[in-house]
Amino acid sequence: VVVGSREISEADIAAEMQYHPADSAGSAQLK
């Protein structure tokens, strides 16, 4: 996932997932 020239790491996405409950891990990851 890249915004402009900056890539958002998988670790950052994984850390953010706790704030986005969803019915599946994939949906939470996308949110």
PDB file of all heavy atoms in Angstrom:
ATOM      1  N   VAL A   1       0.866  -1.171   0.000  1.00  0.00           N
ATOM      2  CA  VAL A   1       0.000   0.000   0.000  1.00  0.00           C
ATOM      3  C   VAL A   1       0.911   1.230   0.000  1.00  0.00           C
ATOM      4  O   VAL A   1       1.733   1.390   0.897  1.00  0.00           O
ATOM      5  CB  VAL A   1      -0.936   0.009   1.227  1.00  0.00           C
ATOM      6  CG1 VAL A   1      -1.773   1.293   1.253  1.00  0.00           C
ATOM      7  CG2 VAL A   1      -1.838  -1.212   1.206  1.00  0.00           C
ATOM      8  N   VAL A   2       0.756   2.068  -1.018  1.00  0.00           N
ATOM      9  CA  VAL A   2       1.649   3.208  -1.191  1.00  0.00           C
ATOM     10  C   VAL A   2       0.820   4.473  -1.355  1.00  0.00           C
ATOM     11  O   VAL A   2      -0.145   4.500  -2.130  1.00  0.00           O
ATOM     12  CB  VAL A   2       2.567   3.018  -2.414  1.00  0.00           C
ATOM     13  CG1 VAL A   2       3.521   4.209  -2.558  1.00  0.00           C
ATOM     14  CG2 VAL A   2       3.346   1.727  -2.307  1.00  0.00           C
ATOM     15  N   VAL A   3       1.203   5.520  -0.630  1.00  0.00           N
ATOM     16  CA  VAL A   3       0.571   6.833  -0.749  1.00  0.00           C
ATOM     17  C   VAL A   3       1.655   7.806  -1.191  1.00  0.00           C
ATOM     18  O   VAL A   3       2.619   8.050  -0.451  1.00  0.00           O
ATOM     19  CB  VAL A   3      -0.041   7.296   0.576  1.00  0.00           C
ATOM     20  CG1 VAL A   3      -0.695   8.677   0.405  1.00  0.00           C
ATOM     21  CG2 VAL A   3      -1.062   6.284   1.083  1.00  0.00           C
ATOM     22  N   GLY A   4       1.504   8.344  -2.404  1.00  0.00           N
ATOM     23  CA  GLY A   4       2.577   9.174  -2.952  1.00  0.00           C
ATOM     24  C   GLY A   4       3.822   8.324  -3.109  1.00  0.00           C
ATOM     25  O   GLY A   4       3.809   7.303  -3.804  1.00  0.00           O
ATOM     26  N   SER A   5       4.883   8.700  -2.437  1.00  0.00           N
ATOM     27  CA  SER A   5       6.124   7.926  -2.478  1.00  0.00           C
ATOM     28  C   SER A   5       6.340   7.122  -1.202  1.00  0.00           C
ATOM     29  O   SER A   5       7.383   6.481  -1.046  1.00  0.00           O
ATOM     30  CB  SER A   5       7.318   8.868  -2.699  1.00  0.00           C
ATOM     31  OG  SER A   5       7.404   9.819  -1.642  1.00  0.00           O
ATOM     32  N   ARG A   6       5.380   7.159  -0.271  1.00  0.00           N
ATOM     33  CA  ARG A   6       5.565   6.496   1.017  1.00  0.00           C
ATOM     34  C   ARG A   6       4.759   5.211   1.082  1.00  0.00           C
ATOM     35  O   ARG A   6       3.553   5.202   0.850  1.00  0.00           O
ATOM     36  CB  ARG A   6       5.156   7.418   2.162  1.00  0.00           C
ATOM     37  CG  ARG A   6       5.320   6.780   3.541  1.00  0.00           C
ATOM     38  CD  ARG A   6       4.971   7.751   4.655  1.00  0.00           C
ATOM     39  NE  ARG A   6       5.181   7.138   5.957  1.00  0.00           N
ATOM     40  CZ  ARG A   6       4.264   6.421   6.606  1.00  0.00           C
ATOM     41  NH1 ARG A   6       3.073   6.250   6.074  1.00  0.00           N
ATOM     42  NH2 ARG A   6       4.542   5.898   7.789  1.00  0.00           N
ATOM     43  N   GLU A   7       5.438   4.112   1.407  1.00  0.00           N
ATOM     44  CA  GLU A   7       4.765   2.830   1.570  1.00  0.00           C
ATOM     45  C   GLU A   7       4.309   2.660   3.014  1.00  0.00           C
ATOM     46  O   GLU A   7       5.044   2.984   3.957  1.00  0.00           O
ATOM     47  CB  GLU A   7       5.707   1.685   1.201  1.00  0.00           C
ATOM     48  CG  GLU A   7       5.036   0.316   1.326  1.00  0.00           C
ATOM     49  CD  GLU A   7       5.912  -0.817   0.822  1.00  0.00           C
ATOM     50  OE1 GLU A   7       6.799  -0.542  -0.033  1.00  0.00           O
ATOM     51  OE2 GLU A   7       5.709  -1.961   1.269  1.00  0.00           O
ATOM     52  N   ILE A   8       3.092   2.175   3.170  1.00  0.00           N
ATOM     53  CA  ILE A   8       2.567   1.856   4.495  1.00  0.00           C
ATOM     54  C   ILE A   8       2.865   0.391   4.751  1.00  0.00           C
ATOM     55  O   ILE A   8       2.428  -0.491   4.005  1.00  0.00           O
ATOM     56  CB  ILE A   8       1.056   2.131   4.574  1.00  0.00           C
ATOM     57  CG1 ILE A   8       0.790   3.624   4.371  1.00  0.00           C
ATOM     58  CG2 ILE A   8       0.490   1.689   5.919  1.00  0.00           C
ATOM     59  CD1 ILE A   8      -0.676   3.988   4.313  1.00  0.00           C
ATOM     60  N   SER A   9       3.591   0.109   5.796  1.00  0.00           N
ATOM     61  CA  SER A   9       4.075  -1.239   6.037  1.00  0.00           C
ATOM     62  C   SER A   9       2.960  -2.163   6.514  1.00  0.00           C
ATOM     63  O   SER A   9       1.952  -1.727   7.080  1.00  0.00           O
ATOM     64  CB  SER A   9       5.202  -1.219   7.070  1.00  0.00           C
ATOM     65  OG  SER A   9       4.675  -0.924   8.366  1.00  0.00           O
ATOM     66  N   GLU A  10       3.194  -3.463   6.306  1.00  0.00           N
ATOM     67  CA  GLU A  10       2.243  -4.456   6.793  1.00  0.00           C
ATOM     68  C   GLU A  10       2.165  -4.419   8.318  1.00  0.00           C
ATOM     69  O   GLU A  10       1.104  -4.664   8.907  1.00  0.00           O
ATOM     70  CB  GLU A  10       2.659  -5.847   6.324  1.00  0.00           C
ATOM     71  CG  GLU A  10       2.516  -6.049   4.817  1.00  0.00           C
ATOM     72  CD  GLU A  10       2.827  -7.482   4.399  1.00  0.00           C
ATOM     73  OE1 GLU A  10       2.669  -8.388   5.251  1.00  0.00           O
ATOM     74  OE2 GLU A  10       3.211  -7.689   3.248  1.00  0.00           O
ATOM     75  N   ALA A  11       3.296  -4.101   8.957  1.00  0.00           N
ATOM     76  CA  ALA A  11       3.306  -4.019  10.424  1.00  0.00           C
ATOM     77  C   ALA A  11       2.417  -2.885  10.910  1.00  0.00           C
ATOM     78  O   ALA A  11       1.692  -3.031  11.900  1.00  0.00           O
ATOM     79  CB  ALA A  11       4.732  -3.822  10.926  1.00  0.00           C
ATOM     80  N   ASP A  12       2.455  -1.749  10.225  1.00  0.00           N
ATOM     81  CA  ASP A  12       1.595  -0.625  10.612  1.00  0.00           C
ATOM     82  C   ASP A  12       0.122  -0.987  10.432  1.00  0.00           C
ATOM     83  O   ASP A  12      -0.724  -0.636  11.260  1.00  0.00           O
ATOM     84  CB  ASP A  12       1.937   0.614   9.777  1.00  0.00           C
ATOM     85  CG  ASP A  12       3.241   1.265  10.202  1.00  0.00           C
ATOM     86  OD1 ASP A  12       3.699   0.992  11.333  1.00  0.00           O
ATOM     87  OD2 ASP A  12       3.795   2.048   9.412  1.00  0.00           O
ATOM     88  N   ILE A  13      -0.174  -1.678   9.343  1.00  0.00           N
ATOM     89  CA  ILE A  13      -1.565  -2.089   9.091  1.00  0.00           C
ATOM     90  C   ILE A  13      -2.021  -3.072  10.162  1.00  0.00           C
ATOM     91  O   ILE A  13      -3.131  -2.971  10.703  1.00  0.00           O
ATOM     92  CB  ILE A  13      -1.699  -2.706   7.689  1.00  0.00           C
ATOM     93  CG1 ILE A  13      -1.439  -1.635   6.619  1.00  0.00           C
ATOM     94  CG2 ILE A  13      -3.088  -3.319   7.495  1.00  0.00           C
ATOM     95  CD1 ILE A  13      -1.381  -2.176   5.209  1.00  0.00           C
ATOM     96  N   ALA A  14      -1.146  -4.024  10.505  1.00  0.00           N
ATOM     97  CA  ALA A  14      -1.496  -5.008  11.534  1.00  0.00           C
ATOM     98  C   ALA A  14      -1.739  -4.339  12.879  1.00  0.00           C
ATOM     99  O   ALA A  14      -2.674  -4.701  13.610  1.00  0.00           O
ATOM    100  CB  ALA A  14      -0.384  -6.049  11.651  1.00  0.00           C
ATOM    101  N   ALA A  15      -0.922  -3.336  13.212  1.00  0.00           N
ATOM    102  CA  ALA A  15      -1.103  -2.623  14.486  1.00  0.00           C
ATOM    103  C   ALA A  15      -2.396  -1.822  14.501  1.00  0.00           C
ATOM    104  O   ALA A  15      -3.029  -1.653  15.554  1.00  0.00           O
ATOM    105  CB  ALA A  15       0.091  -1.711  14.739  1.00  0.00           C
ATOM    106  N   GLU A  16      -2.805  -1.333  13.345  1.00  0.00           N
ATOM    107  CA  GLU A  16      -4.021  -0.522  13.233  1.00  0.00           C
ATOM    108  C   GLU A  16      -5.288  -1.366  13.293  1.00  0.00           C
ATOM    109  O   GLU A  16      -6.369  -0.864  13.645  1.00  0.00           O
ATOM    110  CB  GLU A  16      -3.983   0.268  11.913  1.00  0.00           C
ATOM    111  CG  GLU A  16      -5.182   1.150  11.624  1.00  0.00           C
ATOM    112  CD  GLU A  16      -5.255   2.400  12.492  1.00  0.00           C
ATOM    113  OE1 GLU A  16      -4.230   2.758  13.108  1.00  0.00           O
ATOM    114  OE2 GLU A  16      -6.334   3.028  12.536  1.00  0.00           O
ATOM    115  N   MET A  17      -5.191  -2.656  12.976  1.00  0.00           N
ATOM    116  CA  MET A  17      -6.378  -3.504  12.860  1.00  0.00           C
ATOM    117  C   MET A  17      -7.200  -3.579  14.144  1.00  0.00           C
ATOM    118  O   MET A  17      -8.413  -3.765  14.099  1.00  0.00           O
ATOM    119  CB  MET A  17      -5.978  -4.913  12.420  1.00  0.00           C
ATOM    120  CG  MET A  17      -5.600  -5.016  10.952  1.00  0.00           C
ATOM    121  SD  MET A  17      -4.950  -6.655  10.503  1.00  0.00           S
ATOM    122  CE  MET A  17      -6.371  -7.713  10.858  1.00  0.00           C
ATOM    123  N   GLN A  18      -6.551  -3.434  15.295  1.00  0.00           N
ATOM    124  CA  GLN A  18      -7.278  -3.535  16.563  1.00  0.00           C
ATOM    125  C   GLN A  18      -8.361  -2.472  16.705  1.00  0.00           C
ATOM    126  O   GLN A  18      -9.303  -2.641  17.478  1.00  0.00           O
ATOM    127  CB  GLN A  18      -6.297  -3.413  17.729  1.00  0.00           C
ATOM    128  CG  GLN A  18      -5.590  -2.073  17.801  1.00  0.00           C
ATOM    129  CD  GLN A  18      -4.598  -1.989  18.940  1.00  0.00           C
ATOM    130  OE1 GLN A  18      -4.960  -2.274  20.092  1.00  0.00           O
ATOM    131  NE2 GLN A  18      -3.355  -1.623  18.648  1.00  0.00           N
ATOM    132  N   TYR A  19      -8.247  -1.379  15.975  1.00  0.00           N
ATOM    133  CA  TYR A  19      -9.224  -0.283  16.074  1.00  0.00           C
ATOM    134  C   TYR A  19     -10.368  -0.431  15.068  1.00  0.00           C
ATOM    135  O   TYR A  19     -11.238   0.434  14.994  1.00  0.00           O
ATOM    136  CB  TYR A  19      -8.531   1.057  15.845  1.00  0.00           C
ATOM    137  CG  TYR A  19      -7.368   1.288  16.776  1.00  0.00           C
ATOM    138  CD1 TYR A  19      -6.052   1.303  16.296  1.00  0.00           C
ATOM    139  CD2 TYR A  19      -7.556   1.468  18.145  1.00  0.00           C
ATOM    140  CE1 TYR A  19      -4.980   1.508  17.150  1.00  0.00           C
ATOM    141  CE2 TYR A  19      -6.481   1.663  19.004  1.00  0.00           C
ATOM    142  CZ  TYR A  19      -5.200   1.681  18.497  1.00  0.00           C
ATOM    143  OH  TYR A  19      -4.142   1.872  19.348  1.00  0.00           O
ATOM    144  N   HIS A  20     -10.359  -1.524  14.291  1.00  0.00           N
ATOM    145  CA  HIS A  20     -11.347  -1.682  13.225  1.00  0.00           C
ATOM    146  C   HIS A  20     -11.953  -3.081  13.266  1.00  0.00           C
ATOM    147  O   HIS A  20     -11.629  -3.933  12.436  1.00  0.00           O
ATOM    148  CB  HIS A  20     -10.695  -1.406  11.867  1.00  0.00           C
ATOM    149  CG  HIS A  20     -10.028  -0.079  11.794  1.00  0.00           C
ATOM    150  ND1 HIS A  20     -10.718   1.091  11.519  1.00  0.00           N
ATOM    151  CD2 HIS A  20      -8.735   0.279  12.007  1.00  0.00           C
ATOM    152  CE1 HIS A  20      -9.870   2.107  11.560  1.00  0.00           C
ATOM    153  NE2 HIS A  20      -8.671   1.646  11.853  1.00  0.00           N
ATOM    154  N   PRO A  21     -12.828  -3.353  14.237  1.00  0.00           N
ATOM    155  CA  PRO A  21     -13.444  -4.685  14.317  1.00  0.00           C
ATOM    156  C   PRO A  21     -14.247  -4.984  13.058  1.00  0.00           C
ATOM    157  O   PRO A  21     -14.878  -4.102  12.476  1.00  0.00           O
ATOM    158  CB  PRO A  21     -14.348  -4.572  15.551  1.00  0.00           C
ATOM    159  CG  PRO A  21     -14.577  -3.107  15.740  1.00  0.00           C
ATOM    160  CD  PRO A  21     -13.319  -2.428  15.266  1.00  0.00           C
ATOM    161  N   ALA A  22     -14.197  -6.231  12.629  1.00  0.00           N
ATOM    162  CA  ALA A  22     -14.908  -6.654  11.420  1.00  0.00           C
ATOM    163  C   ALA A  22     -15.230  -8.132  11.539  1.00  0.00           C
ATOM    164  O   ALA A  22     -14.792  -8.814  12.468  1.00  0.00           O
ATOM    165  CB  ALA A  22     -14.053  -6.372  10.187  1.00  0.00           C
ATOM    166  N   ASP A  23     -16.008  -8.638  10.586  1.00  0.00           N
ATOM    167  CA  ASP A  23     -16.431 -10.039  10.642  1.00  0.00           C
ATOM    168  C   ASP A  23     -15.359 -10.990  10.135  1.00  0.00           C
ATOM    169  O   ASP A  23     -15.542 -12.205  10.182  1.00  0.00           O
ATOM    170  CB  ASP A  23     -17.731 -10.229   9.850  1.00  0.00           C
ATOM    171  CG  ASP A  23     -17.612  -9.754   8.404  1.00  0.00           C
ATOM    172  OD1 ASP A  23     -16.493  -9.359   7.989  1.00  0.00           O
ATOM    173  OD2 ASP A  23     -18.629  -9.786   7.692  1.00  0.00           O
ATOM    174  N   SER A  24     -14.237 -10.477   9.638  1.00  0.00           N
ATOM    175  CA  SER A  24     -13.132 -11.327   9.206  1.00  0.00           C
ATOM    176  C   SER A  24     -11.836 -10.545   9.312  1.00  0.00           C
ATOM    177  O   SER A  24     -11.829  -9.305   9.308  1.00  0.00           O
ATOM    178  CB  SER A  24     -13.339 -11.799   7.763  1.00  0.00           C
ATOM    179  OG  SER A  24     -13.194 -10.714   6.863  1.00  0.00           O
ATOM    180  N   ALA A  25     -10.722 -11.287   9.378  1.00  0.00           N
ATOM    181  CA  ALA A  25      -9.416 -10.634   9.441  1.00  0.00           C
ATOM    182  C   ALA A  25      -9.141  -9.835   8.180  1.00  0.00           C
ATOM    183  O   ALA A  25      -8.542  -8.753   8.227  1.00  0.00           O
ATOM    184  CB  ALA A  25      -8.330 -11.685   9.661  1.00  0.00           C
ATOM    185  N   GLY A  26      -9.594 -10.347   7.030  1.00  0.00           N
ATOM    186  CA  GLY A  26      -9.383  -9.626   5.777  1.00  0.00           C
ATOM    187  C   GLY A  26     -10.088  -8.283   5.752  1.00  0.00           C
ATOM    188  O   GLY A  26      -9.518  -7.281   5.304  1.00  0.00           O
ATOM    189  N   SER A  27     -11.321  -8.262   6.253  1.00  0.00           N
ATOM    190  CA  SER A  27     -12.067  -6.997   6.288  1.00  0.00           C
ATOM    191  C   SER A  27     -11.430  -6.007   7.253  1.00  0.00           C
ATOM    192  O   SER A  27     -11.333  -4.810   6.965  1.00  0.00           O
ATOM    193  CB  SER A  27     -13.523  -7.254   6.687  1.00  0.00           C
ATOM    194  OG  SER A  27     -14.185  -8.017   5.713  1.00  0.00           O
ATOM    195  N   ALA A  28     -10.996  -6.508   8.407  1.00  0.00           N
ATOM    196  CA  ALA A  28     -10.333  -5.630   9.375  1.00  0.00           C
ATOM    197  C   ALA A  28      -9.034  -5.077   8.802  1.00  0.00           C
ATOM    198  O   ALA A  28      -8.699  -3.905   9.001  1.00  0.00           O
ATOM    199  CB  ALA A  28     -10.063  -6.398  10.665  1.00  0.00           C
ATOM    200  N   GLN A  29      -8.291  -5.914   8.070  1.00  0.00           N
ATOM    201  CA  GLN A  29      -7.040  -5.475   7.454  1.00  0.00           C
ATOM    202  C   GLN A  29      -7.304  -4.380   6.431  1.00  0.00           C
ATOM    203  O   GLN A  29      -6.576  -3.378   6.370  1.00  0.00           O
ATOM    204  CB  GLN A  29      -6.344  -6.654   6.788  1.00  0.00           C
ATOM    205  CG  GLN A  29      -4.971  -6.326   6.198  1.00  0.00           C
ATOM    206  CD  GLN A  29      -4.363  -7.515   5.499  1.00  0.00           C
ATOM    207  OE1 GLN A  29      -5.045  -8.234   4.763  1.00  0.00           O
ATOM    208  NE2 GLN A  29      -3.075  -7.743   5.733  1.00  0.00           N
ATOM    209  N   LEU A  30      -8.354  -4.541   5.640  1.00  0.00           N
ATOM    210  CA  LEU A  30      -8.680  -3.540   4.623  1.00  0.00           C
ATOM    211  C   LEU A  30      -9.100  -2.222   5.270  1.00  0.00           C
ATOM    212  O   LEU A  30      -8.690  -1.145   4.845  1.00  0.00           O
ATOM    213  CB  LEU A  30      -9.794  -4.060   3.720  1.00  0.00           C
ATOM    214  CG  LEU A  30     -10.261  -3.102   2.615  1.00  0.00           C
ATOM    215  CD1 LEU A  30      -9.106  -2.709   1.712  1.00  0.00           C
ATOM    216  CD2 LEU A  30     -11.391  -3.724   1.819  1.00  0.00           C
ATOM    217  N   LYS A  31      -9.939  -2.311   6.304  1.00  0.00           N
ATOM    218  CA  LYS A  31     -10.356  -1.099   7.010  1.00  0.00           C
ATOM    219  C   LYS A  31      -9.157  -0.379   7.612  1.00  0.00           C
ATOM    220  O   LYS A  31      -9.056   0.850   7.540  1.00  0.00           O
ATOM    221  CB  LYS A  31     -11.362  -1.446   8.114  1.00  0.00           C
ATOM    222  CG  LYS A  31     -12.722  -1.870   7.609  1.00  0.00           C
ATOM    223  CD  LYS A  31     -13.662  -2.113   8.786  1.00  0.00           C
ATOM    224  CE  LYS A  31     -15.072  -2.441   8.314  1.00  0.00           C
ATOM    225  NZ  LYS A  31     -16.009  -2.570   9.453  1.00  0.00           N
TER     226      LYS A  31
END
